[in-house]
Amino acid sequence: MDFTMFAAIGAGIAVMACIGAGIGIGIATSGLVQSIARQPEAAGKLIPWFFVGAALAESTAIYGLVVSILLITRIG
């Protein structure tokens, strides 16, 4: 077994971080919409925290993408 096979498998696994980030942002958005539907006056307090959480989840996806790109460049 050579390094290129392990790099390709690692790149595939690293991209799966994007799936988790997408699911996390979807769940957070669902919770935000439900909270605003129940208490519309709390929207001003909830939305900034939503953006902080979405940014953290998206940074996880970006790290996975960067690792995947680095591993793919090792293959070629």
N, C-alpha and C. Protein backbone atom coordinates (compact mmCIF):
# COMPACT_ATOMS: atom_id res chain seq x y z
N MET A 1 0.85 -1.17 0.00
CA MET A 1 0.00 0.00 0.00
C MET A 1 0.90 1.24 0.00
N ASP A 2 0.56 2.16 -0.86
CA ASP A 2 1.38 3.36 -0.94
C ASP A 2 0.65 4.56 -0.33
N PHE A 3 1.39 5.64 -0.29
CA PHE A 3 0.89 6.85 0.37
C PHE A 3 -0.30 7.46 -0.35
N THR A 4 -0.36 7.35 -1.67
CA THR A 4 -1.43 8.00 -2.42
C THR A 4 -2.80 7.45 -2.06
N MET A 5 -2.87 6.16 -1.79
CA MET A 5 -4.16 5.57 -1.42
C MET A 5 -4.63 6.12 -0.06
N PHE A 6 -3.71 6.20 0.89
CA PHE A 6 -4.08 6.73 2.20
C PHE A 6 -4.43 8.21 2.12
N ALA A 7 -3.75 8.95 1.26
CA ALA A 7 -4.06 10.38 1.09
C ALA A 7 -5.45 10.55 0.48
N ALA A 8 -5.82 9.70 -0.48
CA ALA A 8 -7.15 9.78 -1.09
C ALA A 8 -8.24 9.43 -0.08
N ILE A 9 -8.01 8.42 0.71
CA ILE A 9 -8.99 8.05 1.75
C ILE A 9 -9.11 9.16 2.78
N GLY A 10 -7.98 9.73 3.19
CA GLY A 10 -7.99 10.82 4.15
C GLY A 10 -8.70 12.05 3.63
N ALA A 11 -8.52 12.34 2.32
CA ALA A 11 -9.21 13.49 1.73
C ALA A 11 -10.72 13.27 1.73
N GLY A 12 -11.15 12.06 1.45
CA GLY A 12 -12.58 11.75 1.49
C GLY A 12 -13.16 11.89 2.88
N ILE A 13 -12.42 11.44 3.87
CA ILE A 13 -12.88 11.55 5.25
C ILE A 13 -12.91 13.02 5.69
N ALA A 14 -11.92 13.80 5.26
CA ALA A 14 -11.87 15.22 5.64
C ALA A 14 -13.03 15.99 5.06
N VAL A 15 -13.48 15.63 3.87
CA VAL A 15 -14.61 16.33 3.25
C VAL A 15 -15.90 16.04 4.00
N MET A 16 -15.98 14.93 4.70
CA MET A 16 -17.19 14.61 5.46
C MET A 16 -17.44 15.61 6.58
N ALA A 17 -16.42 16.41 6.94
CA ALA A 17 -16.64 17.48 7.92
C ALA A 17 -17.64 18.49 7.39
N CYS A 18 -17.68 18.66 6.08
CA CYS A 18 -18.64 19.60 5.48
C CYS A 18 -20.07 19.11 5.67
N ILE A 19 -20.26 17.81 5.65
CA ILE A 19 -21.59 17.25 5.87
C ILE A 19 -22.06 17.56 7.29
N GLY A 20 -21.19 17.37 8.24
CA GLY A 20 -21.54 17.66 9.63
C GLY A 20 -21.84 19.13 9.86
N ALA A 21 -21.07 20.00 9.22
CA ALA A 21 -21.31 21.43 9.36
C ALA A 21 -22.66 21.81 8.75
N GLY A 22 -22.99 21.23 7.61
CA GLY A 22 -24.28 21.52 6.99
C GLY A 22 -25.44 21.07 7.84
N ILE A 23 -25.32 19.90 8.43
CA ILE A 23 -26.38 19.40 9.32
C ILE A 23 -26.49 20.28 10.56
N GLY A 24 -25.35 20.68 11.11
CA GLY A 24 -25.37 21.53 12.30
C GLY A 24 -25.99 22.88 12.06
N ILE A 25 -25.65 23.50 10.93
CA ILE A 25 -26.24 24.80 10.61
C ILE A 25 -27.73 24.65 10.35
N GLY A 26 -28.15 23.55 9.73
CA GLY A 26 -29.57 23.32 9.50
C GLY A 26 -30.34 23.16 10.79
N ILE A 27 -29.79 22.43 11.73
CA ILE A 27 -30.45 22.26 13.03
C ILE A 27 -30.51 23.59 13.78
N ALA A 28 -29.42 24.36 13.72
CA ALA A 28 -29.41 25.66 14.40
C ALA A 28 -30.42 26.61 13.79
N THR A 29 -30.54 26.60 12.47
CA THR A 29 -31.52 27.46 11.80
C THR A 29 -32.93 27.05 12.17
N SER A 30 -33.17 25.76 12.24
CA SER A 30 -34.49 25.28 12.64
C SER A 30 -34.83 25.75 14.06
N GLY A 31 -33.88 25.63 14.96
CA GLY A 31 -34.11 26.08 16.33
C GLY A 31 -34.34 27.58 16.42
N LEU A 32 -33.60 28.34 15.60
CA LEU A 32 -33.78 29.79 15.60
C LEU A 32 -35.18 30.16 15.11
N VAL A 33 -35.61 29.55 14.02
CA VAL A 33 -36.94 29.87 13.47
C VAL A 33 -38.04 29.49 14.46
N GLN A 34 -37.89 28.34 15.10
CA GLN A 34 -38.90 27.94 16.09
C GLN A 34 -38.92 28.89 17.28
N SER A 35 -37.74 29.33 17.72
CA SER A 35 -37.69 30.25 18.86
C SER A 35 -38.30 31.59 18.51
N ILE A 36 -38.02 32.09 17.31
CA ILE A 36 -38.59 33.37 16.90
C ILE A 36 -40.10 33.25 16.69
N ALA A 37 -40.55 32.09 16.22
CA ALA A 37 -41.99 31.90 16.05
C ALA A 37 -42.72 31.90 17.39
N ARG A 38 -42.06 31.39 18.43
CA ARG A 38 -42.70 31.35 19.75
C ARG A 38 -42.63 32.70 20.46
N GLN A 39 -41.46 33.38 20.33
CA GLN A 39 -41.28 34.68 20.98
C GLN A 39 -40.64 35.65 19.99
N PRO A 40 -41.43 36.32 19.20
CA PRO A 40 -40.88 37.23 18.19
C PRO A 40 -40.06 38.38 18.78
N GLU A 41 -40.37 38.78 20.00
CA GLU A 41 -39.64 39.89 20.61
C GLU A 41 -38.20 39.51 20.99
N ALA A 42 -37.88 38.22 21.03
CA ALA A 42 -36.53 37.78 21.38
C ALA A 42 -35.62 37.65 20.16
N ALA A 43 -36.11 37.99 18.99
CA ALA A 43 -35.32 37.82 17.76
C ALA A 43 -34.03 38.63 17.81
N GLY A 44 -34.07 39.83 18.36
CA GLY A 44 -32.87 40.68 18.43
C GLY A 44 -31.76 40.08 19.27
N LYS A 45 -32.12 39.29 20.27
CA LYS A 45 -31.11 38.65 21.11
C LYS A 45 -30.62 37.33 20.55
N LEU A 46 -31.45 36.66 19.77
CA LEU A 46 -31.11 35.33 19.27
C LEU A 46 -30.26 35.34 18.01
N ILE A 47 -30.53 36.28 17.12
CA ILE A 47 -29.87 36.27 15.81
C ILE A 47 -28.35 36.44 15.92
N PRO A 48 -27.80 37.33 16.76
CA PRO A 48 -26.33 37.40 16.84
C PRO A 48 -25.70 36.10 17.32
N TRP A 49 -26.33 35.41 18.25
CA TRP A 49 -25.79 34.14 18.71
C TRP A 49 -25.87 33.07 17.64
N PHE A 50 -26.91 33.15 16.80
CA PHE A 50 -27.01 32.22 15.68
C PHE A 50 -25.84 32.39 14.72
N PHE A 51 -25.51 33.64 14.41
CA PHE A 51 -24.41 33.89 13.49
C PHE A 51 -23.07 33.44 14.06
N VAL A 52 -22.89 33.57 15.36
CA VAL A 52 -21.66 33.07 15.99
C VAL A 52 -21.58 31.55 15.85
N GLY A 53 -22.67 30.86 16.13
CA GLY A 53 -22.69 29.41 16.00
C GLY A 53 -22.52 28.95 14.56
N ALA A 54 -23.16 29.65 13.63
CA ALA A 54 -23.02 29.29 12.22
C ALA A 54 -21.58 29.51 11.74
N ALA A 55 -20.94 30.57 12.20
CA ALA A 55 -19.55 30.83 11.82
C ALA A 55 -18.63 29.74 12.35
N LEU A 56 -18.87 29.29 13.57
CA LEU A 56 -18.04 28.21 14.13
C LEU A 56 -18.24 26.90 13.38
N ALA A 57 -19.47 26.60 13.03
CA ALA A 57 -19.74 25.39 12.26
C ALA A 57 -19.13 25.48 10.87
N GLU A 58 -19.22 26.64 10.26
CA GLU A 58 -18.65 26.81 8.92
C GLU A 58 -17.13 26.75 8.95
N SER A 59 -16.53 27.22 10.03
CA SER A 59 -15.06 27.12 10.11
C SER A 59 -14.62 25.66 10.18
N THR A 60 -15.41 24.82 10.79
CA THR A 60 -15.09 23.39 10.80
C THR A 60 -15.12 22.82 9.39
N ALA A 61 -16.08 23.24 8.61
CA ALA A 61 -16.16 22.78 7.22
C ALA A 61 -14.98 23.30 6.41
N ILE A 62 -14.57 24.52 6.65
CA ILE A 62 -13.44 25.07 5.92
C ILE A 62 -12.15 24.35 6.28
N TYR A 63 -11.97 24.01 7.55
CA TYR A 63 -10.78 23.24 7.95
C TYR A 63 -10.77 21.88 7.25
N GLY A 64 -11.90 21.23 7.18
CA GLY A 64 -11.97 19.95 6.48
C GLY A 64 -11.65 20.09 5.00
N LEU A 65 -12.13 21.16 4.38
CA LEU A 65 -11.84 21.40 2.97
C LEU A 65 -10.35 21.67 2.75
N VAL A 66 -9.74 22.45 3.63
CA VAL A 66 -8.31 22.74 3.50
C VAL A 66 -7.48 21.47 3.65
N VAL A 67 -7.82 20.65 4.63
CA VAL A 67 -7.09 19.39 4.81
C VAL A 67 -7.27 18.50 3.59
N SER A 68 -8.47 18.47 3.05
CA SER A 68 -8.73 17.66 1.86
C SER A 68 -7.90 18.15 0.67
N ILE A 69 -7.85 19.45 0.47
CA ILE A 69 -7.07 20.00 -0.63
C ILE A 69 -5.58 19.71 -0.45
N LEU A 70 -5.09 19.84 0.78
CA LEU A 70 -3.69 19.53 1.02
C LEU A 70 -3.37 18.08 0.74
N LEU A 71 -4.27 17.19 1.10
CA LEU A 71 -4.03 15.77 0.83
C LEU A 71 -4.13 15.45 -0.66
N ILE A 72 -5.04 16.11 -1.36
CA ILE A 72 -5.19 15.85 -2.80
C ILE A 72 -3.94 16.33 -3.55
N THR A 73 -3.34 17.44 -3.10
CA THR A 73 -2.13 17.92 -3.79
C THR A 73 -0.97 16.95 -3.58
N ARG A 74 -1.01 16.16 -2.53
CA ARG A 74 0.05 15.16 -2.31
C ARG A 74 -0.09 13.97 -3.25
N ILE A 75 -1.31 13.74 -3.74
CA ILE A 75 -1.55 12.59 -4.61
C ILE A 75 -0.89 12.80 -5.97
N GLY A 76 -1.07 13.99 -6.55
CA GLY A 76 -0.59 14.26 -7.89
C GLY A 76 0.86 14.48 -7.94
